[in-house]
């Protein structure tokens, strides 16, 4: 994995984890809203995309 790919991969995983953590914080303080569910879906998509991309890069 190249240096640039590693940083982009790390950024994708950090964004996904941050969004999921943000939504968990929202859900603990307030009732579920459409904004928190959209953020949760985006965070999970970032995490899944980062995981799949990592598998693809490891296969090379």
C-alpha atoms as a PDB file:
ATOM      1  CA  UNK A   1       0.000   0.000   0.000  1.00  0.00           C
ATOM      2  CA  UNK A   2       1.463   3.344  -1.006  1.00  0.00           C
ATOM      3  CA  UNK A   3       1.862   6.204   1.407  1.00  0.00           C
ATOM      4  CA  UNK A   4      -0.919   8.276  -0.176  1.00  0.00           C
ATOM      5  CA  UNK A   5      -3.299   5.297  -0.268  1.00  0.00           C
ATOM      6  CA  UNK A   6      -2.580   4.591   3.373  1.00  0.00           C
ATOM      7  CA  UNK A   7      -3.455   8.153   4.424  1.00  0.00           C
ATOM      8  CA  UNK A   8      -6.669   8.196   2.375  1.00  0.00           C
ATOM      9  CA  UNK A   9      -7.626   4.775   3.755  1.00  0.00           C
ATOM     10  CA  UNK A  10      -6.968   5.976   7.312  1.00  0.00           C
ATOM     11  CA  UNK A  11      -8.972   9.149   6.697  1.00  0.00           C
ATOM     12  CA  UNK A  12     -11.957   7.140   5.419  1.00  0.00           C
ATOM     13  CA  UNK A  13     -11.893   4.906   8.499  1.00  0.00           C
ATOM     14  CA  UNK A  14     -11.531   7.871  10.865  1.00  0.00           C
ATOM     15  CA  UNK A  15     -14.448   9.701   9.219  1.00  0.00           C
ATOM     16  CA  UNK A  16     -16.633   6.625   9.464  1.00  0.00           C
ATOM     17  CA  UNK A  17     -15.754   6.009  13.092  1.00  0.00           C
ATOM     18  CA  UNK A  18     -16.270   9.679  13.971  1.00  0.00           C
ATOM     19  CA  UNK A  19     -19.708   9.761  12.360  1.00  0.00           C
ATOM     20  CA  UNK A  20     -20.781   6.564  14.104  1.00  0.00           C
ATOM     21  CA  UNK A  21     -19.518   7.922  17.438  1.00  0.00           C
ATOM     22  CA  UNK A  22     -21.290  11.228  16.851  1.00  0.00           C
ATOM     23  CA  UNK A  23     -24.570   9.458  16.174  1.00  0.00           C
ATOM     24  CA  UNK A  24     -24.223   7.274  19.258  1.00  0.00           C
ATOM     25  CA  UNK A  25     -23.741  10.467  21.280  1.00  0.00           C
ATOM     26  CA  UNK A  26     -26.834  12.014  19.680  1.00  0.00           C
ATOM     27  CA  UNK A  27     -28.911   8.918  20.402  1.00  0.00           C
ATOM     28  CA  UNK A  28     -27.894   8.912  24.058  1.00  0.00           C
ATOM     29  CA  UNK A  29     -28.895  12.569  24.549  1.00  0.00           C
ATOM     30  CA  UNK A  30     -31.937  12.940  22.293  1.00  0.00           C
ATOM     31  CA  UNK A  31     -34.564  10.743  20.700  1.00  0.00           C
ATOM     32  CA  UNK A  32     -33.681   9.385  17.247  1.00  0.00           C
ATOM     33  CA  UNK A  33     -34.008  11.928  14.463  1.00  0.00           C
ATOM     34  CA  UNK A  34     -33.635  11.743  10.726  1.00  0.00           C
ATOM     35  CA  UNK A  35     -30.329  13.617  10.933  1.00  0.00           C
ATOM     36  CA  UNK A  36     -28.782  11.087  13.290  1.00  0.00           C
ATOM     37  CA  UNK A  37     -29.968   8.151  11.198  1.00  0.00           C
ATOM     38  CA  UNK A  38     -28.515   9.737   8.043  1.00  0.00           C
ATOM     39  CA  UNK A  39     -25.195  10.310   9.845  1.00  0.00           C
ATOM     40  CA  UNK A  40     -25.216   6.731  11.116  1.00  0.00           C
ATOM     41  CA  UNK A  41     -25.748   5.367   7.607  1.00  0.00           C
ATOM     42  CA  UNK A  42     -22.970   7.599   6.229  1.00  0.00           C
ATOM     43  CA  UNK A  43     -20.606   6.532   8.993  1.00  0.00           C
ATOM     44  CA  UNK A  44     -21.319   2.859   8.426  1.00  0.00           C
ATOM     45  CA  UNK A  45     -20.838   3.315   4.670  1.00  0.00           C
ATOM     46  CA  UNK A  46     -17.456   4.977   5.290  1.00  0.00           C
ATOM     47  CA  UNK A  47     -16.417   2.134   7.586  1.00  0.00           C
ATOM     48  CA  UNK A  48     -17.580  -0.543   5.146  1.00  0.00           C
ATOM     49  CA  UNK A  49     -15.914   1.229   2.227  1.00  0.00           C
ATOM     50  CA  UNK A  50     -12.656   1.541   4.136  1.00  0.00           C
ATOM     51  CA  UNK A  51     -12.769  -2.117   5.113  1.00  0.00           C
ATOM     52  CA  UNK A  52     -13.431  -3.242   1.529  1.00  0.00           C
ATOM     53  CA  UNK A  53     -10.752  -0.922   0.170  1.00  0.00           C
ATOM     54  CA  UNK A  54      -8.271  -2.275   2.709  1.00  0.00           C
ATOM     55  CA  UNK A  55      -9.023  -5.842   1.605  1.00  0.00           C
ATOM     56  CA  UNK A  56      -8.544  -4.838  -2.027  1.00  0.00           C
ATOM     57  CA  UNK A  57      -5.212  -3.131  -1.312  1.00  0.00           C
ATOM     58  CA  UNK A  58      -4.004  -6.066   0.782  1.00  0.00           C
ATOM     59  CA  UNK A  59      -4.748  -8.420  -2.103  1.00  0.00           C
ATOM     60  CA  UNK A  60      -2.307  -6.635  -4.416  1.00  0.00           C
END
